[in-house]
Each structure stands twice: as C-alpha cells, then as structure tokens.
PDB file of N, CA and C in Angstrom:
ATOM      1  N   UNK A   1       0.830  -1.168   0.000  1.00  0.00           N
ATOM      2  CA  UNK A   1       0.000   0.000   0.000  1.00  0.00           C
ATOM      3  C   UNK A   1       0.886   1.247   0.000  1.00  0.00           C
ATOM      4  N   UNK A   2       0.509   2.211  -0.792  1.00  0.00           N
ATOM      5  CA  UNK A   2       1.316   3.420  -0.908  1.00  0.00           C
ATOM      6  C   UNK A   2       1.365   4.200   0.397  1.00  0.00           C
ATOM      7  N   UNK A   3       0.322   4.118   1.198  1.00  0.00           N
ATOM      8  CA  UNK A   3       0.323   4.852   2.466  1.00  0.00           C
ATOM      9  C   UNK A   3       1.413   4.347   3.400  1.00  0.00           C
ATOM     10  N   UNK A   4       1.833   3.102   3.219  1.00  0.00           N
ATOM     11  CA  UNK A   4       2.904   2.541   4.044  1.00  0.00           C
ATOM     12  C   UNK A   4       4.278   2.895   3.493  1.00  0.00           C
ATOM     13  N   UNK A   5       4.322   3.448   2.314  1.00  0.00           N
ATOM     14  CA  UNK A   5       5.582   3.797   1.647  1.00  0.00           C
ATOM     15  C   UNK A   5       5.614   5.283   1.329  1.00  0.00           C
ATOM     16  N   UNK A   6       5.056   6.080   2.199  1.00  0.00           N
ATOM     17  CA  UNK A   6       4.836   7.504   1.899  1.00  0.00           C
ATOM     18  C   UNK A   6       6.096   8.240   1.464  1.00  0.00           C
ATOM     19  N   UNK A   7       7.203   8.073   2.165  1.00  0.00           N
ATOM     20  CA  UNK A   7       8.404   8.841   1.799  1.00  0.00           C
ATOM     21  C   UNK A   7       8.964   8.386   0.455  1.00  0.00           C
ATOM     22  N   UNK A   8       9.011   7.088   0.200  1.00  0.00           N
ATOM     23  CA  UNK A   8       9.480   6.590  -1.099  1.00  0.00           C
ATOM     24  C   UNK A   8       8.542   7.031  -2.212  1.00  0.00           C
ATOM     25  N   UNK A   9       7.251   6.961  -1.944  1.00  0.00           N
ATOM     26  CA  UNK A   9       6.250   7.344  -2.934  1.00  0.00           C
ATOM     27  C   UNK A   9       6.401   8.816  -3.315  1.00  0.00           C
ATOM     28  N   UNK A  10       6.540   9.693  -2.329  1.00  0.00           N
ATOM     29  CA  UNK A  10       6.716  11.125  -2.627  1.00  0.00           C
ATOM     30  C   UNK A  10       7.971  11.370  -3.454  1.00  0.00           C
ATOM     31  N   UNK A  11       9.051  10.697  -3.090  1.00  0.00           N
ATOM     32  CA  UNK A  11      10.312  10.853  -3.813  1.00  0.00           C
ATOM     33  C   UNK A  11      10.158  10.444  -5.277  1.00  0.00           C
ATOM     34  N   UNK A  12       9.563   9.288  -5.517  1.00  0.00           N
ATOM     35  CA  UNK A  12       9.407   8.827  -6.893  1.00  0.00           C
ATOM     36  C   UNK A  12       8.396   9.649  -7.661  1.00  0.00           C
ATOM     37  N   UNK A  13       7.368  10.144  -6.997  1.00  0.00           N
ATOM     38  CA  UNK A  13       6.423  11.046  -7.675  1.00  0.00           C
ATOM     39  C   UNK A  13       7.144  12.273  -8.206  1.00  0.00           C
ATOM     40  N   UNK A  14       8.001  12.853  -7.369  1.00  0.00           N
ATOM     41  CA  UNK A  14       8.767  14.030  -7.801  1.00  0.00           C
ATOM     42  C   UNK A  14       9.666  13.689  -8.979  1.00  0.00           C
ATOM     43  N   UNK A  15      10.359  12.572  -8.875  1.00  0.00           N
ATOM     44  CA  UNK A  15      11.278  12.177  -9.951  1.00  0.00           C
ATOM     45  C   UNK A  15      10.535  11.953 -11.258  1.00  0.00           C
ATOM     46  N   UNK A  16       9.463  11.175 -11.204  1.00  0.00           N
ATOM     47  CA  UNK A  16       8.715  10.888 -12.426  1.00  0.00           C
ATOM     48  C   UNK A  16       8.104  12.152 -13.000  1.00  0.00           C
ATOM     49  N   UNK A  17       7.599  12.997 -12.140  1.00  0.00           N
ATOM     50  CA  UNK A  17       6.994  14.241 -12.605  1.00  0.00           C
ATOM     51  C   UNK A  17       8.037  15.111 -13.320  1.00  0.00           C
ATOM     52  N   UNK A  18       9.225  15.193 -12.756  1.00  0.00           N
ATOM     53  CA  UNK A  18      10.304  15.962 -13.400  1.00  0.00           C
ATOM     54  C   UNK A  18      10.733  15.320 -14.718  1.00  0.00           C
ATOM     55  N   UNK A  19      10.845  13.982 -14.739  1.00  0.00           N
ATOM     56  CA  UNK A  19      11.234  13.284 -15.966  1.00  0.00           C
ATOM     57  C   UNK A  19      10.230  13.538 -17.082  1.00  0.00           C
ATOM     58  N   UNK A  20       8.969  13.640 -16.731  1.00  0.00           N
ATOM     59  CA  UNK A  20       7.919  13.763 -17.739  1.00  0.00           C
ATOM     60  C   UNK A  20       7.505  15.200 -18.021  1.00  0.00           C
ATOM     61  N   UNK A  21       8.129  16.136 -17.352  1.00  0.00           N
ATOM     62  CA  UNK A  21       7.786  17.552 -17.512  1.00  0.00           C
ATOM     63  C   UNK A  21       7.841  17.993 -18.974  1.00  0.00           C
ATOM     64  N   UNK A  22       8.833  17.545 -19.696  1.00  0.00           N
ATOM     65  CA  UNK A  22       8.967  17.973 -21.092  1.00  0.00           C
ATOM     66  C   UNK A  22       7.897  17.364 -22.007  1.00  0.00           C
ATOM     67  N   UNK A  23       7.169  16.379 -21.526  1.00  0.00           N
ATOM     68  CA  UNK A  23       6.133  15.732 -22.335  1.00  0.00           C
ATOM     69  C   UNK A  23       4.742  16.280 -22.051  1.00  0.00           C
ATOM     70  N   UNK A  24       4.656  17.210 -21.094  1.00  0.00           N
ATOM     71  CA  UNK A  24       3.384  17.869 -20.835  1.00  0.00           C
ATOM     72  C   UNK A  24       3.170  18.943 -21.901  1.00  0.00           C
ATOM     73  N   UNK A  25       1.938  19.292 -22.094  1.00  0.00           N
ATOM     74  CA  UNK A  25       1.627  20.351 -23.046  1.00  0.00           C
ATOM     75  C   UNK A  25       0.492  21.190 -22.499  1.00  0.00           C
ATOM     76  N   UNK A  26       0.083  22.145 -23.263  1.00  0.00           N
ATOM     77  CA  UNK A  26      -1.028  23.000 -22.862  1.00  0.00           C
ATOM     78  C   UNK A  26      -2.176  22.769 -23.833  1.00  0.00           C
ATOM     79  N   UNK A  27      -3.350  22.510 -23.274  1.00  0.00           N
ATOM     80  CA  UNK A  27      -4.554  22.295 -24.074  1.00  0.00           C
ATOM     81  C   UNK A  27      -5.634  23.193 -23.497  1.00  0.00           C
ATOM     82  N   UNK A  28      -6.180  24.068 -24.322  1.00  0.00           N
ATOM     83  CA  UNK A  28      -7.230  25.004 -23.907  1.00  0.00           C
ATOM     84  C   UNK A  28      -6.778  25.845 -22.704  1.00  0.00           C
ATOM     85  N   UNK A  29      -5.510  26.236 -22.703  1.00  0.00           N
ATOM     86  CA  UNK A  29      -4.989  27.105 -21.654  1.00  0.00           C
ATOM     87  C   UNK A  29      -4.668  26.417 -20.336  1.00  0.00           C
ATOM     88  N   UNK A  30      -4.752  25.088 -20.302  1.00  0.00           N
ATOM     89  CA  UNK A  30      -4.459  24.347 -19.075  1.00  0.00           C
ATOM     90  C   UNK A  30      -3.418  23.275 -19.351  1.00  0.00           C
ATOM     91  N   UNK A  31      -2.669  22.907 -18.305  1.00  0.00           N
ATOM     92  CA  UNK A  31      -1.655  21.871 -18.411  1.00  0.00           C
ATOM     93  C   UNK A  31      -2.304  20.528 -18.757  1.00  0.00           C
ATOM     94  N   UNK A  32      -1.666  19.786 -19.638  1.00  0.00           N
ATOM     95  CA  UNK A  32      -2.178  18.471 -20.020  1.00  0.00           C
ATOM     96  C   UNK A  32      -1.027  17.465 -20.009  1.00  0.00           C
ATOM     97  N   UNK A  33      -1.162  16.362 -19.335  1.00  0.00           N
ATOM     98  CA  UNK A  33      -2.340  15.959 -18.584  1.00  0.00           C
ATOM     99  C   UNK A  33      -2.472  16.753 -17.290  1.00  0.00           C
ATOM    100  N   UNK A  34      -3.662  16.711 -16.735  1.00  0.00           N
ATOM    101  CA  UNK A  34      -3.892  17.400 -15.460  1.00  0.00           C
ATOM    102  C   UNK A  34      -3.044  16.730 -14.376  1.00  0.00           C
ATOM    103  N   UNK A  35      -2.783  17.463 -13.315  1.00  0.00           N
ATOM    104  CA  UNK A  35      -2.021  16.881 -12.200  1.00  0.00           C
ATOM    105  C   UNK A  35      -2.753  15.664 -11.636  1.00  0.00           C
ATOM    106  N   UNK A  36      -4.079  15.735 -11.595  1.00  0.00           N
ATOM    107  CA  UNK A  36      -4.865  14.605 -11.083  1.00  0.00           C
ATOM    108  C   UNK A  36      -4.703  13.374 -11.975  1.00  0.00           C
ATOM    109  N   UNK A  37      -4.747  13.566 -13.294  1.00  0.00           N
ATOM    110  CA  UNK A  37      -4.569  12.427 -14.205  1.00  0.00           C
ATOM    111  C   UNK A  37      -3.150  11.881 -14.122  1.00  0.00           C
ATOM    112  N   UNK A  38      -2.181  12.762 -13.996  1.00  0.00           N
ATOM    113  CA  UNK A  38      -0.790  12.313 -13.874  1.00  0.00           C
ATOM    114  C   UNK A  38      -0.601  11.506 -12.589  1.00  0.00           C
ATOM    115  N   UNK A  39      -1.116  12.020 -11.486  1.00  0.00           N
ATOM    116  CA  UNK A  39      -1.010  11.321 -10.201  1.00  0.00           C
ATOM    117  C   UNK A  39      -1.717   9.965 -10.279  1.00  0.00           C
ATOM    118  N   UNK A  40      -2.892   9.946 -10.861  1.00  0.00           N
ATOM    119  CA  UNK A  40      -3.641   8.702 -11.020  1.00  0.00           C
ATOM    120  C   UNK A  40      -2.848   7.702 -11.865  1.00  0.00           C
ATOM    121  N   UNK A  41      -2.191   8.194 -12.911  1.00  0.00           N
ATOM    122  CA  UNK A  41      -1.375   7.329 -13.758  1.00  0.00           C
ATOM    123  C   UNK A  41      -0.281   6.648 -12.933  1.00  0.00           C
ATOM    124  N   UNK A  42       0.424   7.418 -12.104  1.00  0.00           N
ATOM    125  CA  UNK A  42       1.506   6.829 -11.314  1.00  0.00           C
ATOM    126  C   UNK A  42       0.977   5.808 -10.316  1.00  0.00           C
ATOM    127  N   UNK A  43      -0.180   6.067  -9.737  1.00  0.00           N
ATOM    128  CA  UNK A  43      -0.787   5.089  -8.834  1.00  0.00           C
ATOM    129  C   UNK A  43      -1.117   3.800  -9.587  1.00  0.00           C
ATOM    130  N   UNK A  44      -1.694   3.941 -10.762  1.00  0.00           N
ATOM    131  CA  UNK A  44      -2.043   2.763 -11.560  1.00  0.00           C
ATOM    132  C   UNK A  44      -0.787   2.004 -11.975  1.00  0.00           C
ATOM    133  N   UNK A  45       0.253   2.743 -12.310  1.00  0.00           N
ATOM    134  CA  UNK A  45       1.504   2.128 -12.719  1.00  0.00           C
ATOM    135  C   UNK A  45       2.062   1.231 -11.617  1.00  0.00           C
ATOM    136  N   UNK A  46       2.068   1.724 -10.398  1.00  0.00           N
ATOM    137  CA  UNK A  46       2.559   0.932  -9.269  1.00  0.00           C
ATOM    138  C   UNK A  46       1.649  -0.269  -9.031  1.00  0.00           C
ATOM    139  N   UNK A  47       0.349  -0.071  -9.160  1.00  0.00           N
ATOM    140  CA  UNK A  47      -0.605  -1.147  -8.875  1.00  0.00           C
ATOM    141  C   UNK A  47      -0.469  -2.320  -9.835  1.00  0.00           C
ATOM    142  N   UNK A  48      -0.113  -2.053 -11.088  1.00  0.00           N
ATOM    143  CA  UNK A  48      -0.081  -3.131 -12.081  1.00  0.00           C
ATOM    144  C   UNK A  48       1.322  -3.497 -12.550  1.00  0.00           C
ATOM    145  N   UNK A  49       2.361  -2.919 -11.938  1.00  0.00           N
ATOM    146  CA  UNK A  49       3.715  -3.170 -12.433  1.00  0.00           C
ATOM    147  C   UNK A  49       4.062  -4.636 -12.321  1.00  0.00           C
ATOM    148  N   UNK A  50       4.691  -5.257 -13.313  1.00  0.00           N
ATOM    149  CA  UNK A  50       5.151  -4.683 -14.575  1.00  0.00           C
ATOM    150  C   UNK A  50       3.964  -4.421 -15.503  1.00  0.00           C
ATOM    151  N   UNK A  51       3.981  -3.266 -16.102  1.00  0.00           N
ATOM    152  CA  UNK A  51       2.834  -2.797 -16.874  1.00  0.00           C
ATOM    153  C   UNK A  51       2.983  -3.064 -18.360  1.00  0.00           C
ATOM    154  N   UNK A  52       1.888  -3.422 -18.985  1.00  0.00           N
ATOM    155  CA  UNK A  52       1.820  -3.500 -20.431  1.00  0.00           C
ATOM    156  C   UNK A  52       1.451  -2.097 -20.913  1.00  0.00           C
ATOM    157  N   UNK A  53       2.301  -1.478 -21.703  1.00  0.00           N
ATOM    158  CA  UNK A  53       2.126  -0.078 -22.089  1.00  0.00           C
ATOM    159  C   UNK A  53       0.780   0.180 -22.767  1.00  0.00           C
ATOM    160  N   UNK A  54       0.376  -0.676 -23.674  1.00  0.00           N
ATOM    161  CA  UNK A  54      -0.878  -0.442 -24.403  1.00  0.00           C
ATOM    162  C   UNK A  54      -2.090  -0.567 -23.485  1.00  0.00           C
ATOM    163  N   UNK A  55      -2.075  -1.530 -22.593  1.00  0.00           N
ATOM    164  CA  UNK A  55      -3.208  -1.679 -21.663  1.00  0.00           C
ATOM    165  C   UNK A  55      -3.277  -0.503 -20.708  1.00  0.00           C
ATOM    166  N   UNK A  56      -2.115  -0.018 -20.280  1.00  0.00           N
ATOM    167  CA  UNK A  56      -2.092   1.115 -19.361  1.00  0.00           C
ATOM    168  C   UNK A  56      -2.590   2.383 -20.060  1.00  0.00           C
ATOM    169  N   UNK A  57      -2.218   2.579 -21.311  1.00  0.00           N
ATOM    170  CA  UNK A  57      -2.718   3.727 -22.076  1.00  0.00           C
ATOM    171  C   UNK A  57      -4.241   3.665 -22.186  1.00  0.00           C
ATOM    172  N   UNK A  58      -4.763   2.485 -22.520  1.00  0.00           N
ATOM    173  CA  UNK A  58      -6.212   2.324 -22.649  1.00  0.00           C
ATOM    174  C   UNK A  58      -6.906   2.580 -21.318  1.00  0.00           C
ATOM    175  N   UNK A  59      -6.310   2.091 -20.241  1.00  0.00           N
ATOM    176  CA  UNK A  59      -6.888   2.309 -18.915  1.00  0.00           C
ATOM    177  C   UNK A  59      -6.928   3.797 -18.579  1.00  0.00           C
ATOM    178  N   UNK A  60      -5.841   4.513 -18.872  1.00  0.00           N
ATOM    179  CA  UNK A  60      -5.798   5.936 -18.537  1.00  0.00           C
ATOM    180  C   UNK A  60      -6.810   6.742 -19.353  1.00  0.00           C
ATOM    181  N   UNK A  61      -6.995   6.385 -20.614  1.00  0.00           N
ATOM    182  CA  UNK A  61      -7.998   7.068 -21.426  1.00  0.00           C
ATOM    183  C   UNK A  61      -9.389   6.821 -20.839  1.00  0.00           C
ATOM    184  N   UNK A  62      -9.664   5.581 -20.509  1.00  0.00           N
ATOM    185  CA  UNK A  62     -10.963   5.230 -19.922  1.00  0.00           C
ATOM    186  C   UNK A  62     -11.165   5.971 -18.604  1.00  0.00           C
ATOM    187  N   UNK A  63     -10.150   6.006 -17.788  1.00  0.00           N
ATOM    188  CA  UNK A  63     -10.226   6.668 -16.488  1.00  0.00           C
ATOM    189  C   UNK A  63     -10.479   8.169 -16.648  1.00  0.00           C
ATOM    190  N   UNK A  64      -9.762   8.800 -17.568  1.00  0.00           N
ATOM    191  CA  UNK A  64      -9.934  10.241 -17.791  1.00  0.00           C
ATOM    192  C   UNK A  64     -11.338  10.547 -18.312  1.00  0.00           C
ATOM    193  N   UNK A  65     -11.819   9.706 -19.207  1.00  0.00           N
ATOM    194  CA  UNK A  65     -13.169   9.935 -19.732  1.00  0.00           C
ATOM    195  C   UNK A  65     -14.227   9.748 -18.650  1.00  0.00           C
ATOM    196  N   UNK A  66     -14.046   8.742 -17.808  1.00  0.00           N
ATOM    197  CA  UNK A  66     -15.026   8.496 -16.761  1.00  0.00           C
ATOM    198  C   UNK A  66     -14.990   9.551 -15.666  1.00  0.00           C
ATOM    199  N   UNK A  67     -13.845  10.180 -15.474  1.00  0.00           N
ATOM    200  CA  UNK A  67     -13.749  11.263 -14.489  1.00  0.00           C
ATOM    201  C   UNK A  67     -14.512  12.504 -14.969  1.00  0.00           C
ATOM    202  N   UNK A  68     -14.629  12.649 -16.265  1.00  0.00           N
ATOM    203  CA  UNK A  68     -15.369  13.749 -16.892  1.00  0.00           C
ATOM    204  C   UNK A  68     -14.845  15.135 -16.512  1.00  0.00           C
ATOM    205  N   UNK A  69     -13.573  15.226 -16.176  1.00  0.00           N
ATOM    206  CA  UNK A  69     -13.001  16.523 -15.814  1.00  0.00           C
ATOM    207  C   UNK A  69     -12.533  17.290 -17.052  1.00  0.00           C
ATOM    208  N   UNK A  70     -11.822  16.613 -17.959  1.00  0.00           N
ATOM    209  CA  UNK A  70     -11.292  17.281 -19.151  1.00  0.00           C
ATOM    210  C   UNK A  70     -11.762  16.638 -20.445  1.00  0.00           C
ATOM    211  N   UNK A  71     -12.283  15.425 -20.355  1.00  0.00           N
ATOM    212  CA  UNK A  71     -12.788  14.698 -21.508  1.00  0.00           C
ATOM    213  C   UNK A  71     -13.854  13.736 -21.004  1.00  0.00           C
ATOM    214  N   UNK A  72     -14.634  13.202 -21.908  1.00  0.00           N
ATOM    215  CA  UNK A  72     -15.660  12.240 -21.489  1.00  0.00           C
ATOM    216  C   UNK A  72     -16.032  11.360 -22.670  1.00  0.00           C
ATOM    217  N   UNK A  73     -16.830  10.345 -22.408  1.00  0.00           N
ATOM    218  CA  UNK A  73     -17.290   9.473 -23.482  1.00  0.00           C
ATOM    219  C   UNK A  73     -18.215  10.234 -24.424  1.00  0.00           C
ATOM    220  N   UNK A  74     -19.064  11.091 -23.885  1.00  0.00           N
ATOM    221  CA  UNK A  74     -20.039  11.813 -24.700  1.00  0.00           C
ATOM    222  C   UNK A  74     -19.390  12.992 -25.421  1.00  0.00           C
ATOM    223  N   UNK A  75     -18.472  13.684 -24.735  1.00  0.00           N
ATOM    224  CA  UNK A  75     -17.783  14.846 -25.320  1.00  0.00           C
ATOM    225  C   UNK A  75     -16.272  14.644 -25.241  1.00  0.00           C
ATOM    226  N   UNK A  76     -15.731  13.751 -26.053  1.00  0.00           N
ATOM    227  CA  UNK A  76     -14.283  13.533 -25.991  1.00  0.00           C
ATOM    228  C   UNK A  76     -13.512  14.772 -26.446  1.00  0.00           C
ATOM    229  N   UNK A  77     -12.456  15.081 -25.736  1.00  0.00           N
ATOM    230  CA  UNK A  77     -11.560  16.177 -26.114  1.00  0.00           C
ATOM    231  C   UNK A  77     -10.324  15.532 -26.729  1.00  0.00           C
ATOM    232  N   UNK A  78     -10.298  15.464 -28.047  1.00  0.00           N
ATOM    233  CA  UNK A  78      -9.223  14.743 -28.729  1.00  0.00           C
ATOM    234  C   UNK A  78      -7.859  15.366 -28.466  1.00  0.00           C
ATOM    235  N   UNK A  79      -7.799  16.676 -28.302  1.00  0.00           N
ATOM    236  CA  UNK A  79      -6.517  17.328 -28.004  1.00  0.00           C
ATOM    237  C   UNK A  79      -5.996  16.896 -26.628  1.00  0.00           C
ATOM    238  N   UNK A  80      -6.878  16.893 -25.648  1.00  0.00           N
ATOM    239  CA  UNK A  80      -6.467  16.479 -24.307  1.00  0.00           C
ATOM    240  C   UNK A  80      -6.077  15.000 -24.301  1.00  0.00           C
ATOM    241  N   UNK A  81      -6.845  14.180 -24.971  1.00  0.00           N
ATOM    242  CA  UNK A  81      -6.547  12.750 -25.012  1.00  0.00           C
ATOM    243  C   UNK A  81      -5.213  12.478 -25.699  1.00  0.00           C
ATOM    244  N   UNK A  82      -4.904  13.235 -26.729  1.00  0.00           N
ATOM    245  CA  UNK A  82      -3.608  13.092 -27.407  1.00  0.00           C
ATOM    246  C   UNK A  82      -2.477  13.503 -26.468  1.00  0.00           C
ATOM    247  N   UNK A  83      -2.692  14.582 -25.711  1.00  0.00           N
ATOM    248  CA  UNK A  83      -1.683  15.025 -24.744  1.00  0.00           C
ATOM    249  C   UNK A  83      -1.501  13.984 -23.647  1.00  0.00           C
ATOM    250  N   UNK A  84      -2.580  13.371 -23.221  1.00  0.00           N
ATOM    251  CA  UNK A  84      -2.511  12.316 -22.206  1.00  0.00           C
ATOM    252  C   UNK A  84      -1.673  11.152 -22.726  1.00  0.00           C
ATOM    253  N   UNK A  85      -1.886  10.767 -23.962  1.00  0.00           N
ATOM    254  CA  UNK A  85      -1.123   9.658 -24.537  1.00  0.00           C
ATOM    255  C   UNK A  85       0.349  10.021 -24.731  1.00  0.00           C
ATOM    256  N   UNK A  86       0.632  11.245 -25.176  1.00  0.00           N
ATOM    257  CA  UNK A  86       2.029  11.671 -25.373  1.00  0.00           C
ATOM    258  C   UNK A  86       2.810  11.681 -24.069  1.00  0.00           C
ATOM    259  N   UNK A  87       2.128  11.928 -22.976  1.00  0.00           N
ATOM    260  CA  UNK A  87       2.825  12.036 -21.692  1.00  0.00           C
ATOM    261  C   UNK A  87       3.057  10.683 -21.046  1.00  0.00           C
ATOM    262  N   UNK A  88       2.643   9.624 -21.690  1.00  0.00           N
ATOM    263  CA  UNK A  88       2.724   8.264 -21.146  1.00  0.00           C
ATOM    264  C   UNK A  88       4.178   7.787 -21.092  1.00  0.00           C
ATOM    265  N   UNK A  89       4.788   7.712 -19.902  1.00  0.00           N
ATOM    266  CA  UNK A  89       6.214   7.411 -19.819  1.00  0.00           C
ATOM    267  C   UNK A  89       6.601   5.963 -20.064  1.00  0.00           C
ATOM    268  N   UNK A  90       5.714   5.013 -19.878  1.00  0.00           N
ATOM    269  CA  UNK A  90       6.095   3.612 -20.002  1.00  0.00           C
ATOM    270  C   UNK A  90       6.507   3.266 -21.423  1.00  0.00           C
ATOM    271  N   UNK A  91       5.921   3.942 -22.381  1.00  0.00           N
ATOM    272  CA  UNK A  91       6.185   3.628 -23.782  1.00  0.00           C
ATOM    273  C   UNK A  91       7.476   4.240 -24.308  1.00  0.00           C
ATOM    274  N   UNK A  92       8.130   5.067 -23.518  1.00  0.00           N
ATOM    275  CA  UNK A  92       9.328   5.756 -23.991  1.00  0.00           C
ATOM    276  C   UNK A  92      10.583   5.232 -23.304  1.00  0.00           C
ATOM    277  N   UNK A  93      11.645   5.110 -24.038  1.00  0.00           N
ATOM    278  CA  UNK A  93      12.958   4.817 -23.486  1.00  0.00           C
ATOM    279  C   UNK A  93      13.735   6.120 -23.494  1.00  0.00           C
ATOM    280  N   UNK A  94      14.630   6.397 -22.568  1.00  0.00           N
ATOM    281  CA  UNK A  94      15.019   5.582 -21.432  1.00  0.00           C
ATOM    282  C   UNK A  94      14.119   5.760 -20.214  1.00  0.00           C
ATOM    283  N   UNK A  95      13.048   6.513 -20.364  1.00  0.00           N
ATOM    284  CA  UNK A  95      12.173   6.765 -19.223  1.00  0.00           C
ATOM    285  C   UNK A  95      11.628   5.470 -18.653  1.00  0.00           C
ATOM    286  N   UNK A  96      11.242   4.521 -19.513  1.00  0.00           N
ATOM    287  CA  UNK A  96      10.627   3.301 -19.014  1.00  0.00           C
ATOM    288  C   UNK A  96      11.563   2.528 -18.095  1.00  0.00           C
ATOM    289  N   UNK A  97      12.870   2.533 -18.371  1.00  0.00           N
ATOM    290  CA  UNK A  97      13.786   1.828 -17.473  1.00  0.00           C
ATOM    291  C   UNK A  97      13.889   2.537 -16.127  1.00  0.00           C
ATOM    292  N   UNK A  98      13.814   3.873 -16.130  1.00  0.00           N
ATOM    293  CA  UNK A  98      13.818   4.606 -14.857  1.00  0.00           C
ATOM    294  C   UNK A  98      12.530   4.370 -14.084  1.00  0.00           C
ATOM    295  N   UNK A  99      11.423   4.338 -14.796  1.00  0.00           N
ATOM    296  CA  UNK A  99      10.139   4.073 -14.146  1.00  0.00           C
ATOM    297  C   UNK A  99      10.159   2.665 -13.560  1.00  0.00           C
ATOM    298  N   UNK A 100      10.723   1.726 -14.299  1.00  0.00           N
ATOM    299  CA  UNK A 100      10.800   0.354 -13.797  1.00  0.00           C
ATOM    300  C   UNK A 100      11.597   0.290 -12.505  1.00  0.00           C
ATOM    301  N   UNK A 101      12.739   0.951 -12.469  1.00  0.00           N
ATOM    302  CA  UNK A 101      13.537   0.951 -11.230  1.00  0.00           C
ATOM    303  C   UNK A 101      12.736   1.545 -10.080  1.00  0.00           C
ATOM    304  N   UNK A 102      12.067   2.655 -10.345  1.00  0.00           N
ATOM    305  CA  UNK A 102      11.275   3.301  -9.305  1.00  0.00           C
ATOM    306  C   UNK A 102      10.111   2.457  -8.856  1.00  0.00           C
ATOM    307  N   UNK A 103       9.410   1.859  -9.818  1.00  0.00           N
ATOM    308  CA  UNK A 103       8.250   1.031  -9.479  1.00  0.00           C
ATOM    309  C   UNK A 103       8.681  -0.159  -8.635  1.00  0.00           C
ATOM    310  N   UNK A 104       9.803  -0.742  -8.985  1.00  0.00           N
ATOM    311  CA  UNK A 104      10.295  -1.879  -8.205  1.00  0.00           C
ATOM    312  C   UNK A 104      10.690  -1.443  -6.800  1.00  0.00           C
ATOM    313  N   UNK A 105      11.308  -0.281  -6.684  1.00  0.00           N
ATOM    314  CA  UNK A 105      11.723   0.197  -5.359  1.00  0.00           C
ATOM    315  C   UNK A 105      10.526   0.583  -4.499  1.00  0.00           C
ATOM    316  N   UNK A 106       9.580   1.296  -5.088  1.00  0.00           N
ATOM    317  CA  UNK A 106       8.408   1.714  -4.309  1.00  0.00           C
ATOM    318  C   UNK A 106       7.660   0.497  -3.825  1.00  0.00           C
ATOM    319  N   UNK A 107       7.547  -0.518  -4.668  1.00  0.00           N
ATOM    320  CA  UNK A 107       6.794  -1.703  -4.288  1.00  0.00           C
ATOM    321  C   UNK A 107       7.691  -2.815  -3.752  1.00  0.00           C
ATOM    322  N   UNK A 108       8.892  -2.464  -3.287  1.00  0.00           N
ATOM    323  CA  UNK A 108       9.851  -3.475  -2.844  1.00  0.00           C
ATOM    324  C   UNK A 108       9.384  -4.272  -1.636  1.00  0.00           C
ATOM    325  N   UNK A 109       8.399  -3.762  -0.937  1.00  0.00           N
ATOM    326  CA  UNK A 109       7.891  -4.512   0.201  1.00  0.00           C
ATOM    327  C   UNK A 109       6.997  -5.653  -0.247  1.00  0.00           C
ATOM    328  N   UNK A 110       6.835  -5.787  -1.555  1.00  0.00           N
ATOM    329  CA  UNK A 110       6.023  -6.878  -2.085  1.00  0.00           C
ATOM    330  C   UNK A 110       4.602  -6.421  -2.328  1.00  0.00           C
ATOM    331  N   UNK A 111       3.880  -7.218  -3.083  1.00  0.00           N
ATOM    332  CA  UNK A 111       2.510  -6.825  -3.393  1.00  0.00           C
ATOM    333  C   UNK A 111       1.635  -6.844  -2.152  1.00  0.00           C
ATOM    334  N   UNK A 112       0.691  -5.946  -2.131  1.00  0.00           N
ATOM    335  CA  UNK A 112      -0.245  -5.910  -1.017  1.00  0.00           C
ATOM    336  C   UNK A 112      -1.102  -7.164  -1.061  1.00  0.00           C
ATOM    337  N   UNK A 113      -1.386  -7.736   0.100  1.00  0.00           N
ATOM    338  CA  UNK A 113      -2.218  -8.940   0.096  1.00  0.00           C
ATOM    339  C   UNK A 113      -3.600  -8.629  -0.454  1.00  0.00           C
ATOM    340  N   UNK A 114      -4.090  -9.512  -1.265  1.00  0.00           N
ATOM    341  CA  UNK A 114      -5.411  -9.327  -1.861  1.00  0.00           C
ATOM    342  C   UNK A 114      -6.433 -10.110  -1.050  1.00  0.00           C
ATOM    343  N   UNK A 115      -7.612  -9.581  -1.009  1.00  0.00           N
ATOM    344  CA  UNK A 115      -8.675 -10.282  -0.297  1.00  0.00           C
ATOM    345  C   UNK A 115      -8.964 -11.586  -1.022  1.00  0.00           C
ATOM    346  N   UNK A 116      -9.089 -12.627  -0.276  1.00  0.00           N
ATOM    347  CA  UNK A 116      -9.378 -13.913  -0.910  1.00  0.00           C
ATOM    348  C   UNK A 116     -10.837 -13.937  -1.340  1.00  0.00           C
ATOM    349  N   UNK A 117     -11.067 -14.625  -2.420  1.00  0.00           N
ATOM    350  CA  UNK A 117     -12.432 -14.736  -2.920  1.00  0.00           C
ATOM    351  C   UNK A 117     -12.969 -16.106  -2.564  1.00  0.00           C
ATOM    352  N   UNK A 118     -14.143 -16.100  -2.078  1.00  0.00           N
ATOM    353  CA  UNK A 118     -14.781 -17.359  -1.718  1.00  0.00           C
ATOM    354  C   UNK A 118     -15.455 -17.933  -2.959  1.00  0.00           C
ATOM    355  N   UNK A 119     -15.254 -19.191  -3.183  1.00  0.00           N
ATOM    356  CA  UNK A 119     -15.894 -19.856  -4.313  1.00  0.00           C
ATOM    357  C   UNK A 119     -17.195 -20.466  -3.842  1.00  0.00           C
ATOM    358  N   UNK A 120     -18.235 -20.222  -4.580  1.00  0.00           N
ATOM    359  CA  UNK A 120     -19.549 -20.746  -4.211  1.00  0.00           C
ATOM    360  C   UNK A 120     -19.901 -21.927  -5.044  1.00  0.00           C
TER     361      UNK A 120
END
C-alpha cells in the first residue's frame, strides 16, 4: 500500500513528474495531462507493475473519460486525449527503465495482500 511507503512514494512522484515535464503540453490554456490524471497514472503504474504499455494507455484514457473533468465518453476532447497519450512514460525509453527501477523500489515490500475470494 502506498500509504505505508509515503516517503518513497513522494520521492518517486517528484522524480517521475520531473522526468515527464517535457512531455506535458497546454490544451485550452491548461496543463495536459492534469495533475490529477498524472497522479492517477503513477498510482495505476505501481498497482499493475510490470505494466503492459498499451493496456495502461487504454486504462488511462478510460479513467480520464469516466472522471469527466477534461474529456468524457459523450464529449471527448481529442486534443487532451492526445496530450494524455504523449505524456505516457512507459512507452518511452530511457524513461521506461527509470520508471521500472522506481516502481520496483516503491513496491519493494512486495505486493499488497489481496482479499481472498470465496468460491460458491
């Protein structure tokens, strides 16, 4: 759980955010991706690491549309969605190797135990 790794998590958030700063853009006068979408991306990245880049991109698009803050299923903002995809660090080298090191370190305590499912 990230709450148990607060200091490592903050450190890697700063690093990843700085690494990806040059891939952010401005759409309709606002930073793209939004800080909330970027933060959500890093949380998802840790949750599913090792990540499949294409599945993670699809997940982030779906998540952004469902949040309805900058884009949505009914009113997609293609400019924002393109900026969201461009900022995706897993698909880029050498960023992906740095993200991998960070993801492994942040989650070095091992995966969080999952609730067992009862079979009926």
